[in-house]
Amino acid sequence: MSDPSTARPDPAPSGPDAHRRPGPGRWAALAAVARAGLIAVGLITAYYLLPLDERGTAGASALLVCGLVAVLLVFSWEVRVIVRSPYPRLKAVEALAATLVLFLVLFAGAYYLLDHSAPGSFSEPLTRTDALYFALTTFSTVGFGDIAARSQTGRVLSMLQMAGGLLLVGVAARVLASAVQAGLRRRAREPSTGPASGPAAGTPDQEA
């Protein structure tokens, strides 16, 4: 009578092995961080490689409008992905990183094009790195004062970025948080597939 009870715990002696093998959650976290890093590197690389010098003021305006539409489309698509993802928190971090980098690269490109089409728009000529630096300091509200917008167009662009940054930090963060909560509720309502297959299935690894 005692033999069946001692044979039963055999499928679950994965105690020492559980510390050696990272669970699905750890792999998902590593994958999310890797994807966020690759997206950031890809967007910044595209910013440095795109032929922005050939466009004028009209090109800068078109880039800004199309870029803002792209930011909204990417953000709305990411919200849907977060709700359906099995790891909504990780997906939200990835979505925020992609949206933030795209937003900064967009305004950096607009600053660079404006400076080259209308010299003197800023306190000093802008390279691509300078434009990205100015976009980042404007977004973070640091404003060292070493680069400043002098022309009316440059100041309007800066104000647009400030307003967009406030919306991104405030409204977008709330939308992402709501999407994460919706994803967690959807995940909690879903029946777990592990217990349905019986005790022989490896259920301890299912929720790890």
Protein backbone atom coordinates (compact mmCIF):
# COMPACT_ATOMS: atom_id res chain seq x y z
CA MET A 1 0.00 0.00 0.00
CA SER A 2 2.90 2.35 0.65
CA ASP A 3 4.53 1.75 -2.76
CA PRO A 4 2.01 3.70 -4.86
CA SER A 5 2.23 6.72 -2.56
CA THR A 6 6.02 6.81 -2.80
CA ALA A 7 5.95 6.39 -6.58
CA ARG A 8 3.51 9.30 -7.04
CA PRO A 9 5.91 12.21 -6.22
CA ASP A 10 8.29 11.03 -8.97
CA PRO A 11 7.03 13.41 -11.71
CA ALA A 12 7.58 16.47 -9.51
CA PRO A 13 11.17 16.11 -8.24
CA SER A 14 12.22 18.99 -10.45
CA GLY A 15 13.37 21.02 -7.41
CA PRO A 16 17.12 21.11 -8.18
CA ASP A 17 16.50 21.24 -11.93
CA ALA A 18 14.15 24.20 -11.57
CA HIS A 19 17.06 26.33 -10.36
CA ARG A 20 19.21 25.29 -13.31
CA ARG A 21 16.71 25.84 -16.11
CA PRO A 22 15.21 29.31 -16.59
CA GLY A 23 11.42 29.13 -16.82
CA PRO A 24 9.30 30.51 -19.65
CA GLY A 25 8.90 33.80 -17.78
CA ARG A 26 12.67 34.40 -17.71
CA TRP A 27 13.04 33.55 -21.39
CA ALA A 28 10.15 35.91 -22.19
CA ALA A 29 11.83 38.70 -20.18
CA LEU A 30 15.14 38.17 -21.97
CA ALA A 31 13.37 38.11 -25.34
CA ALA A 32 11.48 41.33 -24.54
CA VAL A 33 14.66 43.15 -23.50
CA ALA A 34 16.46 41.88 -26.61
CA ARG A 35 13.61 42.97 -28.90
CA ALA A 36 13.44 46.42 -27.28
CA GLY A 37 17.20 46.85 -27.71
CA LEU A 38 17.10 45.70 -31.33
CA ILE A 39 14.22 48.06 -32.13
CA ALA A 40 16.08 51.00 -30.57
CA VAL A 41 19.31 50.17 -32.40
CA GLY A 42 17.42 49.69 -35.67
CA LEU A 43 15.59 53.03 -35.44
CA ILE A 44 18.74 54.97 -34.51
CA THR A 45 20.70 53.24 -37.29
CA ALA A 46 17.97 54.15 -39.80
CA TYR A 47 18.10 57.75 -38.56
CA TYR A 48 21.81 57.96 -39.30
CA LEU A 49 21.56 56.18 -42.66
CA LEU A 50 18.51 57.80 -44.25
CA PRO A 51 19.33 60.49 -46.87
CA LEU A 52 17.80 63.38 -44.93
CA ASP A 53 20.08 66.00 -46.53
CA GLU A 54 18.15 65.92 -49.82
CA ARG A 55 14.89 67.22 -48.34
CA GLY A 56 13.87 70.82 -47.65
CA THR A 57 11.30 72.46 -45.41
CA ALA A 58 8.43 70.68 -47.13
CA GLY A 59 10.26 67.39 -46.56
CA ALA A 60 10.67 68.20 -42.88
CA SER A 61 6.95 68.92 -42.53
CA ALA A 62 6.03 65.72 -44.39
CA LEU A 63 8.44 63.70 -42.26
CA LEU A 64 6.96 65.13 -39.07
CA VAL A 65 3.33 64.52 -40.07
CA CYS A 66 3.95 61.01 -41.42
CA GLY A 67 6.12 60.20 -38.42
CA LEU A 68 3.47 61.28 -35.91
CA VAL A 69 0.88 59.17 -37.74
CA ALA A 70 3.35 56.25 -37.62
CA VAL A 71 3.82 56.75 -33.86
CA LEU A 72 0.05 56.62 -33.32
CA LEU A 73 -0.34 53.53 -35.50
CA VAL A 74 2.54 51.70 -33.82
CA PHE A 75 1.23 52.63 -30.38
CA SER A 76 -2.33 51.47 -31.10
CA TRP A 77 -1.02 48.20 -32.56
CA GLU A 78 1.18 47.64 -29.51
CA VAL A 79 -1.80 48.18 -27.17
CA ARG A 80 -3.68 45.37 -28.94
CA VAL A 81 -0.64 43.12 -28.72
CA ILE A 82 -0.31 43.81 -24.98
CA VAL A 83 -3.92 42.80 -24.29
CA ARG A 84 -3.47 39.48 -26.16
CA SER A 85 0.04 38.71 -24.92
CA PRO A 86 0.64 36.04 -22.24
CA TYR A 87 3.19 38.45 -20.71
CA PRO A 88 1.46 41.87 -20.88
CA ARG A 89 3.91 43.64 -18.55
CA LEU A 90 6.92 42.68 -20.64
CA LYS A 91 5.11 43.61 -23.84
CA ALA A 92 4.26 47.02 -22.36
CA VAL A 93 7.93 47.71 -21.62
CA GLU A 94 8.81 46.72 -25.17
CA ALA A 95 6.02 48.92 -26.59
CA LEU A 96 7.06 51.94 -24.51
CA ALA A 97 10.69 51.60 -25.60
CA ALA A 98 9.74 51.35 -29.28
CA THR A 99 7.33 54.29 -29.13
CA LEU A 100 9.76 56.50 -27.19
CA VAL A 101 12.71 55.88 -29.51
CA LEU A 102 10.54 56.41 -32.60
CA PHE A 103 9.25 59.67 -31.13
CA LEU A 104 12.75 60.98 -30.39
CA VAL A 105 14.19 59.92 -33.75
CA LEU A 106 11.26 61.57 -35.53
CA PHE A 107 11.83 64.98 -33.94
CA ALA A 108 15.60 64.69 -34.28
CA GLY A 109 15.14 64.17 -38.03
CA ALA A 110 12.79 67.16 -38.19
CA TYR A 111 15.31 69.37 -36.36
CA TYR A 112 18.11 68.23 -38.63
CA LEU A 113 16.10 68.91 -41.80
CA LEU A 114 14.98 72.32 -40.54
CA ASP A 115 18.54 73.38 -39.74
CA HIS A 116 19.79 72.34 -43.17
CA SER A 117 16.90 73.90 -45.10
CA ALA A 118 16.86 77.13 -43.05
CA PRO A 119 20.33 77.76 -41.57
CA GLY A 120 20.32 79.77 -38.37
CA SER A 121 17.19 78.11 -37.01
CA PHE A 122 19.25 76.98 -34.03
CA SER A 123 22.00 78.56 -32.00
CA GLU A 124 24.58 76.40 -33.80
CA PRO A 125 24.63 74.16 -36.89
CA LEU A 126 23.26 70.72 -36.12
CA THR A 127 24.77 67.40 -37.02
CA ARG A 128 22.59 64.33 -36.71
CA THR A 129 24.03 63.66 -33.28
CA ASP A 130 23.38 67.26 -32.24
CA ALA A 131 19.77 67.02 -33.43
CA LEU A 132 19.24 63.78 -31.51
CA TYR A 133 20.88 65.32 -28.45
CA PHE A 134 18.61 68.38 -28.67
CA ALA A 135 15.53 66.15 -29.05
CA LEU A 136 16.53 64.12 -25.99
CA THR A 137 17.28 67.15 -23.80
CA THR A 138 13.98 68.74 -24.83
CA PHE A 139 12.06 65.55 -24.04
CA SER A 140 13.73 65.13 -20.66
CA THR A 141 13.17 68.85 -19.87
CA VAL A 142 16.85 69.18 -18.97
CA GLY A 143 17.52 72.04 -21.39
CA PHE A 144 21.24 72.67 -20.88
CA GLY A 145 21.02 75.79 -23.06
CA ASP A 146 23.97 74.90 -25.28
CA ILE A 147 21.57 74.36 -28.23
CA ALA A 148 18.44 76.48 -28.54
CA ALA A 149 15.84 77.12 -31.22
CA ARG A 150 16.07 80.63 -32.67
CA SER A 151 13.61 80.64 -35.56
CA GLN A 152 9.86 80.61 -35.14
CA THR A 153 9.61 77.25 -36.91
CA GLY A 154 12.24 75.74 -34.64
CA ARG A 155 10.41 76.96 -31.56
CA VAL A 156 7.09 75.62 -32.84
CA LEU A 157 8.74 72.24 -33.41
CA SER A 158 10.18 72.33 -29.89
CA MET A 159 6.77 73.17 -28.42
CA LEU A 160 5.19 70.33 -30.38
CA GLN A 161 7.78 67.94 -28.99
CA MET A 162 7.22 69.20 -25.44
CA ALA A 163 3.45 68.73 -25.75
CA GLY A 164 3.92 65.32 -27.37
CA GLY A 165 6.33 64.30 -24.64
CA LEU A 166 3.83 65.21 -21.94
CA LEU A 167 1.16 63.18 -23.72
CA LEU A 168 3.56 60.27 -24.14
CA VAL A 169 4.52 60.25 -20.47
CA GLY A 170 1.03 60.91 -19.12
CA VAL A 171 -1.68 59.61 -21.43
CA ALA A 172 0.31 56.88 -23.18
CA ALA A 173 1.61 55.49 -19.90
CA ARG A 174 -1.96 55.29 -18.59
CA VAL A 175 -3.17 53.58 -21.75
CA LEU A 176 -0.36 51.04 -21.49
CA ALA A 177 -1.15 50.42 -17.82
CA SER A 178 -4.82 49.85 -18.69
CA ALA A 179 -3.79 47.47 -21.48
CA VAL A 180 -1.59 45.55 -19.05
CA GLN A 181 -4.49 45.21 -16.59
CA ALA A 182 -6.80 44.05 -19.38
CA GLY A 183 -4.19 41.51 -20.46
CA LEU A 184 -3.80 40.20 -16.92
CA ARG A 185 -7.58 39.87 -16.52
CA ARG A 186 -7.83 38.03 -19.83
CA ARG A 187 -5.01 35.72 -18.78
CA ALA A 188 -6.71 35.00 -15.44
CA ARG A 189 -9.99 34.12 -17.18
CA GLU A 190 -8.34 31.68 -19.55
CA PRO A 191 -8.50 28.02 -18.39
CA SER A 192 -5.04 26.57 -17.80
CA THR A 193 -4.19 23.87 -20.31
CA GLY A 194 -1.87 21.98 -17.94
CA PRO A 195 -4.31 20.30 -15.48
CA ALA A 196 -6.64 19.15 -18.26
CA SER A 197 -4.08 16.60 -19.47
CA GLY A 198 -3.95 14.75 -16.16
CA PRO A 199 -1.29 14.34 -13.49
CA ALA A 200 1.17 12.90 -15.98
CA ALA A 201 1.53 16.31 -17.65
CA GLY A 202 4.35 18.53 -16.43
CA THR A 203 2.18 21.15 -14.80
CA PRO A 204 4.86 22.59 -12.47
CA ASP A 205 6.66 24.12 -15.46
CA GLN A 206 3.48 25.54 -17.00
CA GLU A 207 3.14 28.62 -14.79
CA ALA A 208 6.85 29.08 -13.99
